[in-house]
C-alpha atoms as a PDB file:
ATOM      1  CA  MET A   1       6.222 -25.027  -1.396  1.00  0.00           C
ATOM      2  CA  TRP A   2       4.570 -22.496   0.957  1.00  0.00           C
ATOM      3  CA  HIS A   3       7.902 -20.743   1.492  1.00  0.00           C
ATOM      4  CA  THR A   4       8.469 -20.437  -2.247  1.00  0.00           C
ATOM      5  CA  LYS A   5       4.984 -19.058  -2.873  1.00  0.00           C
ATOM      6  CA  LEU A   6       5.459 -16.465  -0.128  1.00  0.00           C
ATOM      7  CA  GLN A   7       8.867 -15.467  -1.509  1.00  0.00           C
ATOM      8  CA  ILE A   8       7.353 -14.958  -4.957  1.00  0.00           C
ATOM      9  CA  ALA A   9       4.451 -12.948  -3.558  1.00  0.00           C
ATOM     10  CA  ILE A  10       6.896 -10.689  -1.690  1.00  0.00           C
ATOM     11  CA  ILE A  11       9.020 -10.168  -4.803  1.00  0.00           C
ATOM     12  CA  GLU A  12       5.909  -9.389  -6.857  1.00  0.00           C
ATOM     13  CA  LYS A  13       4.532  -7.170  -4.055  1.00  0.00           C
ATOM     14  CA  ASN A  14       1.285  -9.116  -4.304  1.00  0.00           C
ATOM     15  CA  THR A  15      -0.463  -8.209  -1.056  1.00  0.00           C
ATOM     16  CA  GLU A  16      -3.504 -10.394  -1.722  1.00  0.00           C
ATOM     17  CA  VAL A  17      -1.422 -13.540  -2.106  1.00  0.00           C
ATOM     18  CA  ILE A  18       0.684 -12.629   0.930  1.00  0.00           C
ATOM     19  CA  ALA A  19      -2.454 -12.294   3.064  1.00  0.00           C
ATOM     20  CA  GLN A  20      -3.850 -15.558   1.743  1.00  0.00           C
ATOM     21  CA  LEU A  21      -0.618 -17.459   2.420  1.00  0.00           C
ATOM     22  CA  VAL A  22      -0.229 -16.066   5.926  1.00  0.00           C
ATOM     23  CA  ASN A  23      -3.845 -16.967   6.725  1.00  0.00           C
ATOM     24  CA  GLU A  24      -3.329 -20.496   5.383  1.00  0.00           C
ATOM     25  CA  MET A  25       0.027 -21.117   7.048  1.00  0.00           C
ATOM     26  CA  PRO A  26       0.824 -24.847   7.143  1.00  0.00           C
ATOM     27  CA  GLU A  27       2.173 -26.884  10.029  1.00  0.00           C
ATOM     28  CA  PHE A  28       5.959 -26.778   9.903  1.00  0.00           C
ATOM     29  CA  ARG A  29       7.973 -29.938  10.337  1.00  0.00           C
ATOM     30  CA  ASP A  30      10.940 -28.528  12.196  1.00  0.00           C
ATOM     31  CA  LEU A  31      12.475 -25.469  13.771  1.00  0.00           C
ATOM     32  CA  GLU A  32      14.380 -24.577  10.606  1.00  0.00           C
ATOM     33  CA  GLU A  33      11.157 -24.301   8.586  1.00  0.00           C
ATOM     34  CA  MET A  34       9.648 -22.149  11.340  1.00  0.00           C
ATOM     35  CA  LYS A  35      12.646 -19.826  11.257  1.00  0.00           C
ATOM     36  CA  ARG A  36      12.423 -19.488   7.474  1.00  0.00           C
ATOM     37  CA  ALA A  37       8.712 -18.716   7.764  1.00  0.00           C
ATOM     38  CA  ALA A  38       9.383 -16.108  10.469  1.00  0.00           C
ATOM     39  CA  VAL A  39      11.965 -14.366   8.275  1.00  0.00           C
ATOM     40  CA  LEU A  40       9.596 -14.344   5.307  1.00  0.00           C
ATOM     41  CA  ILE A  41       6.697 -13.036   7.384  1.00  0.00           C
ATOM     42  CA  LYS A  42       8.917 -10.301   8.791  1.00  0.00           C
ATOM     43  CA  GLU A  43       9.907  -9.338   5.235  1.00  0.00           C
ATOM     44  CA  ALA A  44       6.246  -9.374   4.156  1.00  0.00           C
ATOM     45  CA  LEU A  45       5.367  -7.052   7.051  1.00  0.00           C
ATOM     46  CA  ARG A  46       8.172  -4.689   6.084  1.00  0.00           C
ATOM     47  CA  LEU A  47       6.867  -4.657   2.515  1.00  0.00           C
ATOM     48  CA  LEU A  48       3.304  -3.968   3.653  1.00  0.00           C
ATOM     49  CA  HIS A  49       4.439  -1.098   5.884  1.00  0.00           C
ATOM     50  CA  ASN A  50       6.454   0.402   3.016  1.00  0.00           C
ATOM     51  CA  LEU A  51       3.498   0.131   0.642  1.00  0.00           C
ATOM     52  CA  ARG A  52       1.243   1.734   3.260  1.00  0.00           C
ATOM     53  CA  ASP A  53       3.676   4.628   3.693  1.00  0.00           C
ATOM     54  CA  GLU A  54       4.002   5.099  -0.075  1.00  0.00           C
ATOM     55  CA  THR A  55       0.217   5.141  -0.428  1.00  0.00           C
ATOM     56  CA  ALA A  56      -0.123   7.717   2.349  1.00  0.00           C
ATOM     57  CA  ALA A  57       2.487   9.942   0.711  1.00  0.00           C
ATOM     58  CA  THR A  58       0.766   9.639  -2.662  1.00  0.00           C
ATOM     59  CA  MET A  59      -2.596  10.491  -1.136  1.00  0.00           C
ATOM     60  CA  GLN A  60      -1.090  13.551   0.533  1.00  0.00           C
ATOM     61  CA  GLN A  61       0.390  14.693  -2.785  1.00  0.00           C
ATOM     62  CA  LEU A  62      -2.950  14.191  -4.531  1.00  0.00           C
ATOM     63  CA  LYS A  63      -4.692  16.237  -1.846  1.00  0.00           C
ATOM     64  CA  LYS A  64      -2.185  19.065  -2.333  1.00  0.00           C
ATOM     65  CA  HIS A  65      -2.702  18.975  -6.096  1.00  0.00           C
ATOM     66  CA  LYS A  66      -6.472  18.969  -5.682  1.00  0.00           C
ATOM     67  CA  ASP A  67      -6.337  21.907  -3.247  1.00  0.00           C
ATOM     68  CA  PHE A  68      -4.116  23.823  -5.656  1.00  0.00           C
ATOM     69  CA  LEU A  69      -6.404  23.155  -8.603  1.00  0.00           C
ATOM     70  CA  ASN A  70      -9.442  24.200  -6.571  1.00  0.00           C
ATOM     71  CA  SER A  71      -7.715  27.421  -5.543  1.00  0.00           C
ATOM     72  CA  THR A  72      -7.018  28.377  -9.171  1.00  0.00           C
ATOM     73  CA  GLN A  73     -10.603  28.006 -10.358  1.00  0.00           C
ATOM     74  CA  ILE A  74     -12.601  31.163 -11.025  1.00  0.00           C
ATOM     75  CA  ASP A  75     -15.352  31.710  -8.514  1.00  0.00           C
ATOM     76  CA  ALA A  76     -18.601  31.719 -10.517  1.00  0.00           C
ATOM     77  CA  SER A  77     -20.344  33.964  -7.970  1.00  0.00           C
ATOM     78  CA  ALA A  78     -17.646  36.659  -8.199  1.00  0.00           C
ATOM     79  CA  LYS A  79     -18.819  38.322 -11.433  1.00  0.00           C
ATOM     80  CA  PHE A  80     -18.065  41.861 -12.455  1.00  0.00           C
ATOM     81  CA  ASP A  81     -21.465  43.550 -12.718  1.00  0.00           C
ATOM     82  CA  ILE A  82     -21.407  46.629 -14.934  1.00  0.00           C
ATOM     83  CA  THR A  83     -25.188  46.964 -15.335  1.00  0.00           C
ATOM     84  CA  SER A  84     -25.886  48.652 -12.017  1.00  0.00           C
END
């Protein structure tokens, strides 16, 4: 049951459920169950690292867009004064 829930959470990329399942890991009956759990946890870690990298790349892109937009705004203090 635990294995199936973790597989589904990995497929759905549901990081909250993955964390919950890893924190509530049951006692495994035999070596085979332990091996299956190890493979699933390794896959979950790979997923989490990929999501972290994607988030970092997105944040970097957003920062570049923000910097560009800020650089194209007209400076309010740089007015052309023709009254003097």
